[in-house]
All heavy atoms as atom14 arrays in JSON, in Angstrom:
{
  "sequence": "QELLLPRDASDGRDVILEVKAGEGGEESALFAGDLLRMYL",
  "atom14_mask": [
    [1, 1, 1, 1, 1, 1, 1, 1, 1, 0, 0, 0, 0, 0],
    [1, 1, 1, 1, 1, 1, 1, 1, 1, 0, 0, 0, 0, 0],
    [1, 1, 1, 1, 1, 1, 1, 1, 0, 0, 0, 0, 0, 0],
    [1, 1, 1, 1, 1, 1, 1, 1, 0, 0, 0, 0, 0, 0],
    [1, 1, 1, 1, 1, 1, 1, 1, 0, 0, 0, 0, 0, 0],
    [1, 1, 1, 1, 1, 1, 1, 0, 0, 0, 0, 0, 0, 0],
    [1, 1, 1, 1, 1, 1, 1, 1, 1, 1, 1, 0, 0, 0],
    [1, 1, 1, 1, 1, 1, 1, 1, 0, 0, 0, 0, 0, 0],
    [1, 1, 1, 1, 1, 0, 0, 0, 0, 0, 0, 0, 0, 0],
    [1, 1, 1, 1, 1, 1, 0, 0, 0, 0, 0, 0, 0, 0],
    [1, 1, 1, 1, 1, 1, 1, 1, 0, 0, 0, 0, 0, 0],
    [1, 1, 1, 1, 0, 0, 0, 0, 0, 0, 0, 0, 0, 0],
    [1, 1, 1, 1, 1, 1, 1, 1, 1, 1, 1, 0, 0, 0],
    [1, 1, 1, 1, 1, 1, 1, 1, 0, 0, 0, 0, 0, 0],
    [1, 1, 1, 1, 1, 1, 1, 0, 0, 0, 0, 0, 0, 0],
    [1, 1, 1, 1, 1, 1, 1, 1, 0, 0, 0, 0, 0, 0],
    [1, 1, 1, 1, 1, 1, 1, 1, 0, 0, 0, 0, 0, 0],
    [1, 1, 1, 1, 1, 1, 1, 1, 1, 0, 0, 0, 0, 0],
    [1, 1, 1, 1, 1, 1, 1, 0, 0, 0, 0, 0, 0, 0],
    [1, 1, 1, 1, 1, 1, 1, 1, 1, 0, 0, 0, 0, 0],
    [1, 1, 1, 1, 1, 0, 0, 0, 0, 0, 0, 0, 0, 0],
    [1, 1, 1, 1, 0, 0, 0, 0, 0, 0, 0, 0, 0, 0],
    [1, 1, 1, 1, 1, 1, 1, 1, 1, 0, 0, 0, 0, 0],
    [1, 1, 1, 1, 0, 0, 0, 0, 0, 0, 0, 0, 0, 0],
    [1, 1, 1, 1, 0, 0, 0, 0, 0, 0, 0, 0, 0, 0],
    [1, 1, 1, 1, 1, 1, 1, 1, 1, 0, 0, 0, 0, 0],
    [1, 1, 1, 1, 1, 1, 1, 1, 1, 0, 0, 0, 0, 0],
    [1, 1, 1, 1, 1, 1, 0, 0, 0, 0, 0, 0, 0, 0],
    [1, 1, 1, 1, 1, 0, 0, 0, 0, 0, 0, 0, 0, 0],
    [1, 1, 1, 1, 1, 1, 1, 1, 0, 0, 0, 0, 0, 0],
    [1, 1, 1, 1, 1, 1, 1, 1, 1, 1, 1, 0, 0, 0],
    [1, 1, 1, 1, 1, 0, 0, 0, 0, 0, 0, 0, 0, 0],
    [1, 1, 1, 1, 0, 0, 0, 0, 0, 0, 0, 0, 0, 0],
    [1, 1, 1, 1, 1, 1, 1, 1, 0, 0, 0, 0, 0, 0],
    [1, 1, 1, 1, 1, 1, 1, 1, 0, 0, 0, 0, 0, 0],
    [1, 1, 1, 1, 1, 1, 1, 1, 0, 0, 0, 0, 0, 0],
    [1, 1, 1, 1, 1, 1, 1, 1, 1, 1, 1, 0, 0, 0],
    [1, 1, 1, 1, 1, 1, 1, 1, 0, 0, 0, 0, 0, 0],
    [1, 1, 1, 1, 1, 1, 1, 1, 1, 1, 1, 1, 0, 0],
    [1, 1, 1, 1, 1, 1, 1, 1, 0, 0, 0, 0, 0, 0]
  ],
  "atom14_positions": [
    [[129.19, -4.65, 60.07], [127.78, -5.09, 60.09], [127.13, -4.86, 58.73], [126.4, -5.72, 58.22], [127.01, -4.34, 61.18], [125.57, -4.81, 61.34], [124.83, -4.02, 62.39], [125.02, -2.81, 62.53], [123.99, -4.69, 63.16], [0.0, 0.0, 0.0], [0.0, 0.0, 0.0], [0.0, 0.0, 0.0], [0.0, 0.0, 0.0], [0.0, 0.0, 0.0]],
    [[127.41, -3.7, 58.13], [126.86, -3.4, 56.81], [127.44, -4.33, 55.74], [126.72, -4.84, 54.88], [127.14, -1.94, 56.44], [126.39, -0.93, 57.28], [126.68, 0.5, 56.84], [127.51, 0.68, 55.93], [126.09, 1.42, 57.42], [0.0, 0.0, 0.0], [0.0, 0.0, 0.0], [0.0, 0.0, 0.0], [0.0, 0.0, 0.0], [0.0, 0.0, 0.0]],
    [[128.76, -4.56, 55.8], [129.41, -5.39, 54.79], [128.94, -6.84, 54.85], [128.95, -7.55, 53.84], [130.93, -5.34, 54.96], [131.61, -4.02, 54.59], [133.08, -4.04, 54.97], [131.46, -3.74, 53.1], [0.0, 0.0, 0.0], [0.0, 0.0, 0.0], [0.0, 0.0, 0.0], [0.0, 0.0, 0.0], [0.0, 0.0, 0.0], [0.0, 0.0, 0.0]],
    [[128.54, -7.3, 56.03], [128.14, -8.7, 56.2], [126.65, -8.93, 55.98], [126.17, -10.06, 56.09], [128.52, -9.18, 57.61], [130.04, -9.3, 57.85], [130.33, -9.57, 59.32], [130.63, -10.41, 56.98], [0.0, 0.0, 0.0], [0.0, 0.0, 0.0], [0.0, 0.0, 0.0], [0.0, 0.0, 0.0], [0.0, 0.0, 0.0], [0.0, 0.0, 0.0]],
    [[125.92, -7.86, 55.67], [124.49, -8.03, 55.38], [124.31, -8.83, 54.09], [125.15, -8.8, 53.2], [123.83, -6.66, 55.23], [123.64, -5.84, 56.51], [123.15, -4.44, 56.16], [122.65, -6.53, 57.45], [0.0, 0.0, 0.0], [0.0, 0.0, 0.0], [0.0, 0.0, 0.0], [0.0, 0.0, 0.0], [0.0, 0.0, 0.0], [0.0, 0.0, 0.0]],
    [[123.2, -9.57, 53.96], [122.92, -10.3, 52.72], [122.9, -9.35, 51.53], [122.34, -8.26, 51.61], [121.53, -10.91, 52.96], [121.4, -10.96, 54.45], [122.15, -9.78, 54.98], [0.0, 0.0, 0.0], [0.0, 0.0, 0.0], [0.0, 0.0, 0.0], [0.0, 0.0, 0.0], [0.0, 0.0, 0.0], [0.0, 0.0, 0.0], [0.0, 0.0, 0.0]],
    [[123.49, -9.76, 50.43], [123.62, -8.89, 49.28], [122.88, -9.44, 48.08], [122.66, -10.64, 47.95], [125.1, -8.69, 48.93], [125.84, -7.99, 50.04], [127.14, -7.38, 49.56], [127.66, -6.54, 50.63], [127.31, -5.28, 50.82], [126.46, -4.71, 50.0], [127.79, -4.59, 51.83], [0.0, 0.0, 0.0], [0.0, 0.0, 0.0], [0.0, 0.0, 0.0]],
    [[122.5, -8.54, 47.23], [121.86, -8.89, 45.98], [122.89, -9.56, 45.08], [123.94, -8.99, 44.78], [121.33, -7.61, 45.32], [120.5, -7.88, 44.08], [120.66, -8.96, 43.5], [119.7, -7.01, 43.7], [0.0, 0.0, 0.0], [0.0, 0.0, 0.0], [0.0, 0.0, 0.0], [0.0, 0.0, 0.0], [0.0, 0.0, 0.0], [0.0, 0.0, 0.0]],
    [[122.6, -10.79, 44.66], [123.56, -11.54, 43.85], [123.83, -10.87, 42.51], [124.84, -11.15, 41.87], [123.03, -12.96, 43.62], [0.0, 0.0, 0.0], [0.0, 0.0, 0.0], [0.0, 0.0, 0.0], [0.0, 0.0, 0.0], [0.0, 0.0, 0.0], [0.0, 0.0, 0.0], [0.0, 0.0, 0.0], [0.0, 0.0, 0.0], [0.0, 0.0, 0.0]],
    [[122.96, -9.97, 42.09], [123.12, -9.31, 40.78], [123.85, -7.98, 40.87], [124.0, -7.29, 39.86], [121.74, -9.08, 40.14], [121.1, -10.3, 39.86], [0.0, 0.0, 0.0], [0.0, 0.0, 0.0], [0.0, 0.0, 0.0], [0.0, 0.0, 0.0], [0.0, 0.0, 0.0], [0.0, 0.0, 0.0], [0.0, 0.0, 0.0], [0.0, 0.0, 0.0]],
    [[124.31, -7.58, 42.07], [124.88, -6.24, 42.22], [126.08, -5.97, 41.33], [126.37, -4.83, 41.0], [125.26, -6.0, 43.69], [124.1, -5.43, 44.49], [123.06, -5.12, 43.89], [124.22, -5.32, 45.72], [0.0, 0.0, 0.0], [0.0, 0.0, 0.0], [0.0, 0.0, 0.0], [0.0, 0.0, 0.0], [0.0, 0.0, 0.0], [0.0, 0.0, 0.0]],
    [[126.81, -7.0, 40.94], [127.97, -6.79, 40.08], [127.65, -6.8, 38.6], [128.55, -6.69, 37.77], [0.0, 0.0, 0.0], [0.0, 0.0, 0.0], [0.0, 0.0, 0.0], [0.0, 0.0, 0.0], [0.0, 0.0, 0.0], [0.0, 0.0, 0.0], [0.0, 0.0, 0.0], [0.0, 0.0, 0.0], [0.0, 0.0, 0.0], [0.0, 0.0, 0.0]],
    [[126.37, -6.91, 38.25], [125.98, -7.06, 36.85], [125.87, -5.72, 36.13], [125.72, -4.68, 36.73], [124.63, -7.77, 36.74], [124.66, -9.24, 37.13], [123.3, -9.85, 36.91], [123.24, -11.23, 37.36], [123.56, -12.27, 36.59], [123.95, -12.06, 35.35], [123.49, -13.49, 37.07], [0.0, 0.0, 0.0], [0.0, 0.0, 0.0], [0.0, 0.0, 0.0]],
    [[125.89, -5.83, 34.81], [125.56, -4.7, 33.95], [124.04, -4.58, 33.87], [123.31, -5.42, 34.42], [126.15, -4.9, 32.56], [127.67, -5.02, 32.59], [128.28, -4.41, 33.47], [128.22, -5.75, 31.75], [0.0, 0.0, 0.0], [0.0, 0.0, 0.0], [0.0, 0.0, 0.0], [0.0, 0.0, 0.0], [0.0, 0.0, 0.0], [0.0, 0.0, 0.0]],
    [[123.57, -3.55, 33.19], [122.15, -3.21, 33.23], [121.61, -2.98, 31.82], [122.31, -2.46, 30.95], [121.94, -1.94, 34.09], [120.65, -1.22, 33.74], [121.97, -2.29, 35.56], [0.0, 0.0, 0.0], [0.0, 0.0, 0.0], [0.0, 0.0, 0.0], [0.0, 0.0, 0.0], [0.0, 0.0, 0.0], [0.0, 0.0, 0.0], [0.0, 0.0, 0.0]],
    [[120.36, -3.4, 31.63], [119.59, -2.95, 30.47], [118.44, -2.11, 31.0], [117.66, -2.57, 31.84], [119.07, -4.13, 29.63], [120.25, -4.78, 28.89], [118.02, -3.67, 28.64], [119.86, -5.92, 27.98], [0.0, 0.0, 0.0], [0.0, 0.0, 0.0], [0.0, 0.0, 0.0], [0.0, 0.0, 0.0], [0.0, 0.0, 0.0], [0.0, 0.0, 0.0]],
    [[118.38, -0.87, 30.56], [117.43, 0.1, 31.09], [116.51, 0.57, 29.97], [116.98, 0.91, 28.88], [118.19, 1.28, 31.7], [117.4, 2.38, 32.41], [118.21, 2.94, 33.58], [117.07, 3.52, 31.44], [0.0, 0.0, 0.0], [0.0, 0.0, 0.0], [0.0, 0.0, 0.0], [0.0, 0.0, 0.0], [0.0, 0.0, 0.0], [0.0, 0.0, 0.0]],
    [[115.21, 0.54, 30.24], [114.22, 0.98, 29.27], [113.47, 2.2, 29.81], [113.11, 2.23, 30.99], [113.21, -0.13, 28.97], [113.81, -1.37, 28.34], [112.76, -2.43, 28.03], [111.55, -2.1, 28.09], [113.14, -3.58, 27.75], [0.0, 0.0, 0.0], [0.0, 0.0, 0.0], [0.0, 0.0, 0.0], [0.0, 0.0, 0.0], [0.0, 0.0, 0.0]],
    [[113.26, 3.17, 28.96], [112.46, 4.35, 29.3], [111.32, 4.43, 28.29], [111.56, 4.39, 27.08], [113.29, 5.65, 29.27], [112.42, 6.83, 29.71], [114.53, 5.53, 30.14], [0.0, 0.0, 0.0], [0.0, 0.0, 0.0], [0.0, 0.0, 0.0], [0.0, 0.0, 0.0], [0.0, 0.0, 0.0], [0.0, 0.0, 0.0], [0.0, 0.0, 0.0]],
    [[110.1, 4.54, 28.79], [108.92, 4.59, 27.92], [108.07, 5.81, 28.27], [107.82, 6.08, 29.45], [108.08, 3.32, 28.07], [108.77, 2.05, 27.58], [107.86, 0.86, 27.72], [108.53, -0.41, 27.2], [108.72, -0.37, 25.73], [0.0, 0.0, 0.0], [0.0, 0.0, 0.0], [0.0, 0.0, 0.0], [0.0, 0.0, 0.0], [0.0, 0.0, 0.0]],
    [[107.65, 6.53, 27.25], [106.76, 7.66, 27.47], [105.42, 7.15, 27.97], [104.97, 6.07, 27.59], [106.57, 8.45, 26.18], [0.0, 0.0, 0.0], [0.0, 0.0, 0.0], [0.0, 0.0, 0.0], [0.0, 0.0, 0.0], [0.0, 0.0, 0.0], [0.0, 0.0, 0.0], [0.0, 0.0, 0.0], [0.0, 0.0, 0.0], [0.0, 0.0, 0.0]],
    [[104.77, 7.93, 28.84], [103.48, 7.54, 29.39], [102.43, 8.59, 29.12], [102.31, 9.1, 28.0], [0.0, 0.0, 0.0], [0.0, 0.0, 0.0], [0.0, 0.0, 0.0], [0.0, 0.0, 0.0], [0.0, 0.0, 0.0], [0.0, 0.0, 0.0], [0.0, 0.0, 0.0], [0.0, 0.0, 0.0], [0.0, 0.0, 0.0], [0.0, 0.0, 0.0]],
    [[101.68, 8.95, 30.16], [100.65, 9.97, 30.01], [101.3, 11.34, 29.76], [102.28, 11.68, 30.38], [99.79, 10.02, 31.26], [99.05, 8.73, 31.56], [98.25, 8.83, 32.84], [98.26, 9.91, 33.47], [97.62, 7.83, 33.21], [0.0, 0.0, 0.0], [0.0, 0.0, 0.0], [0.0, 0.0, 0.0], [0.0, 0.0, 0.0], [0.0, 0.0, 0.0]],
    [[100.73, 12.09, 28.84], [101.25, 13.42, 28.59], [101.64, 13.69, 27.16], [102.13, 14.77, 26.84], [0.0, 0.0, 0.0], [0.0, 0.0, 0.0], [0.0, 0.0, 0.0], [0.0, 0.0, 0.0], [0.0, 0.0, 0.0], [0.0, 0.0, 0.0], [0.0, 0.0, 0.0], [0.0, 0.0, 0.0], [0.0, 0.0, 0.0], [0.0, 0.0, 0.0]],
    [[101.44, 12.69, 26.26], [101.69, 12.92, 24.85], [103.12, 13.29, 24.53], [104.07, 12.68, 25.02], [0.0, 0.0, 0.0], [0.0, 0.0, 0.0], [0.0, 0.0, 0.0], [0.0, 0.0, 0.0], [0.0, 0.0, 0.0], [0.0, 0.0, 0.0], [0.0, 0.0, 0.0], [0.0, 0.0, 0.0], [0.0, 0.0, 0.0], [0.0, 0.0, 0.0]],
    [[103.3, 14.34, 23.71], [104.63, 14.75, 23.27], [105.5, 15.2, 24.44], [106.72, 14.95, 24.45], [104.51, 15.88, 22.25], [105.82, 16.28, 21.59], [106.4, 15.17, 20.71], [105.64, 14.62, 19.9], [107.61, 14.88, 20.86], [0.0, 0.0, 0.0], [0.0, 0.0, 0.0], [0.0, 0.0, 0.0], [0.0, 0.0, 0.0], [0.0, 0.0, 0.0]],
    [[104.9, 15.83, 25.44], [105.66, 16.26, 26.61], [106.25, 15.06, 27.34], [107.37, 15.1, 27.83], [104.77, 17.09, 27.54], [105.32, 17.3, 28.95], [106.63, 18.06, 29.02], [107.12, 18.56, 27.97], [107.2, 18.14, 30.12], [0.0, 0.0, 0.0], [0.0, 0.0, 0.0], [0.0, 0.0, 0.0], [0.0, 0.0, 0.0], [0.0, 0.0, 0.0]],
    [[105.48, 13.97, 27.44], [105.98, 12.76, 28.08], [107.16, 12.19, 27.31], [108.14, 11.72, 27.9], [104.86, 11.72, 28.19], [105.35, 10.52, 28.73], [0.0, 0.0, 0.0], [0.0, 0.0, 0.0], [0.0, 0.0, 0.0], [0.0, 0.0, 0.0], [0.0, 0.0, 0.0], [0.0, 0.0, 0.0], [0.0, 0.0, 0.0], [0.0, 0.0, 0.0]],
    [[107.07, 12.23, 25.98], [108.17, 11.73, 25.16], [109.43, 12.59, 25.33], [110.55, 12.08, 25.37], [107.75, 11.71, 23.69], [0.0, 0.0, 0.0], [0.0, 0.0, 0.0], [0.0, 0.0, 0.0], [0.0, 0.0, 0.0], [0.0, 0.0, 0.0], [0.0, 0.0, 0.0], [0.0, 0.0, 0.0], [0.0, 0.0, 0.0], [0.0, 0.0, 0.0]],
    [[109.25, 13.9, 25.44], [110.4, 14.78, 25.68], [111.01, 14.51, 27.05], [112.24, 14.52, 27.21], [109.96, 16.24, 25.58], [109.6, 16.74, 24.17], [108.97, 18.12, 24.24], [110.83, 16.76, 23.28], [0.0, 0.0, 0.0], [0.0, 0.0, 0.0], [0.0, 0.0, 0.0], [0.0, 0.0, 0.0], [0.0, 0.0, 0.0], [0.0, 0.0, 0.0]],
    [[110.15, 14.25, 28.04], [110.65, 13.93, 29.38], [111.39, 12.59, 29.37], [112.42, 12.44, 30.05], [109.49, 13.88, 30.37], [109.88, 13.51, 31.77], [110.9, 14.17, 32.42], [109.22, 12.48, 32.44], [111.27, 13.83, 33.72], [109.58, 12.14, 33.73], [110.6, 12.81, 34.37], [0.0, 0.0, 0.0], [0.0, 0.0, 0.0], [0.0, 0.0, 0.0]],
    [[110.9, 11.63, 28.6], [111.61, 10.35, 28.46], [113.01, 10.59, 27.91], [113.99, 9.96, 28.34], [110.83, 9.4, 27.57], [0.0, 0.0, 0.0], [0.0, 0.0, 0.0], [0.0, 0.0, 0.0], [0.0, 0.0, 0.0], [0.0, 0.0, 0.0], [0.0, 0.0, 0.0], [0.0, 0.0, 0.0], [0.0, 0.0, 0.0], [0.0, 0.0, 0.0]],
    [[113.12, 11.52, 26.96], [114.44, 11.88, 26.43], [115.33, 12.52, 27.48], [116.54, 12.26, 27.54], [0.0, 0.0, 0.0], [0.0, 0.0, 0.0], [0.0, 0.0, 0.0], [0.0, 0.0, 0.0], [0.0, 0.0, 0.0], [0.0, 0.0, 0.0], [0.0, 0.0, 0.0], [0.0, 0.0, 0.0], [0.0, 0.0, 0.0], [0.0, 0.0, 0.0]],
    [[114.73, 13.35, 28.34], [115.5, 13.96, 29.44], [116.02, 12.9, 30.4], [117.16, 12.97, 30.87], [114.62, 14.96, 30.2], [114.28, 16.19, 29.38], [115.03, 16.48, 28.43], [113.26, 16.85, 29.69], [0.0, 0.0, 0.0], [0.0, 0.0, 0.0], [0.0, 0.0, 0.0], [0.0, 0.0, 0.0], [0.0, 0.0, 0.0], [0.0, 0.0, 0.0]],
    [[115.17, 11.9, 30.72], [115.59, 10.82, 31.61], [116.72, 10.02, 30.98], [117.69, 9.65, 31.66], [114.41, 9.9, 31.93], [113.3, 10.49, 32.81], [112.17, 9.49, 32.98], [113.85, 10.89, 34.19], [0.0, 0.0, 0.0], [0.0, 0.0, 0.0], [0.0, 0.0, 0.0], [0.0, 0.0, 0.0], [0.0, 0.0, 0.0], [0.0, 0.0, 0.0]],
    [[116.61, 9.75, 29.68], [117.68, 9.01, 29.0], [118.99, 9.76, 29.11], [120.02, 9.17, 29.48], [117.31, 8.81, 27.53], [118.43, 8.24, 26.65], [118.8, 6.83, 27.07], [118.05, 8.29, 25.18], [0.0, 0.0, 0.0], [0.0, 0.0, 0.0], [0.0, 0.0, 0.0], [0.0, 0.0, 0.0], [0.0, 0.0, 0.0], [0.0, 0.0, 0.0]],
    [[118.98, 11.06, 28.81], [120.22, 11.84, 28.91], [120.74, 11.89, 30.34], [121.96, 11.87, 30.57], [119.97, 13.26, 28.37], [119.88, 13.31, 26.84], [119.75, 14.73, 26.33], [118.43, 15.29, 26.62], [117.38, 15.12, 25.84], [117.47, 14.4, 24.74], [116.21, 15.67, 26.15], [0.0, 0.0, 0.0], [0.0, 0.0, 0.0], [0.0, 0.0, 0.0]],
    [[119.84, 11.93, 31.32], [120.27, 11.92, 32.72], [121.03, 10.64, 33.05], [122.11, 10.68, 33.67], [119.03, 12.05, 33.62], [119.35, 12.02, 35.11], [117.84, 12.15, 36.13], [117.15, 10.5, 35.91], [0.0, 0.0, 0.0], [0.0, 0.0, 0.0], [0.0, 0.0, 0.0], [0.0, 0.0, 0.0], [0.0, 0.0, 0.0], [0.0, 0.0, 0.0]],
    [[120.51, 9.5, 32.6], [121.18, 8.24, 32.88], [122.48, 8.09, 32.09], [123.47, 7.55, 32.61], [120.24, 7.07, 32.59], [119.07, 7.0, 33.54], [117.76, 6.95, 33.07], [119.27, 7.01, 34.91], [116.68, 6.9, 33.94], [118.21, 6.96, 35.79], [116.91, 6.91, 35.31], [115.86, 6.87, 36.18], [0.0, 0.0, 0.0], [0.0, 0.0, 0.0]],
    [[122.51, 8.6, 30.86], [123.74, 8.54, 30.08], [124.84, 9.38, 30.73], [126.0, 8.96, 30.78], [123.48, 9.03, 28.64], [122.57, 8.14, 27.77], [122.38, 8.78, 26.4], [123.12, 6.73, 27.64], [0.0, 0.0, 0.0], [0.0, 0.0, 0.0], [0.0, 0.0, 0.0], [0.0, 0.0, 0.0], [0.0, 0.0, 0.0], [0.0, 0.0, 0.0]]
  ]
}
């Protein structure tokens, strides 16, 4: 039942991922770096 459910046509694709600092100044930028390392 799970295998036959409609699937996202893009599931086999590669990804371009963007991380942008937001509210919080330098701390937000450091957190953006933490997120980047987490995904890497």
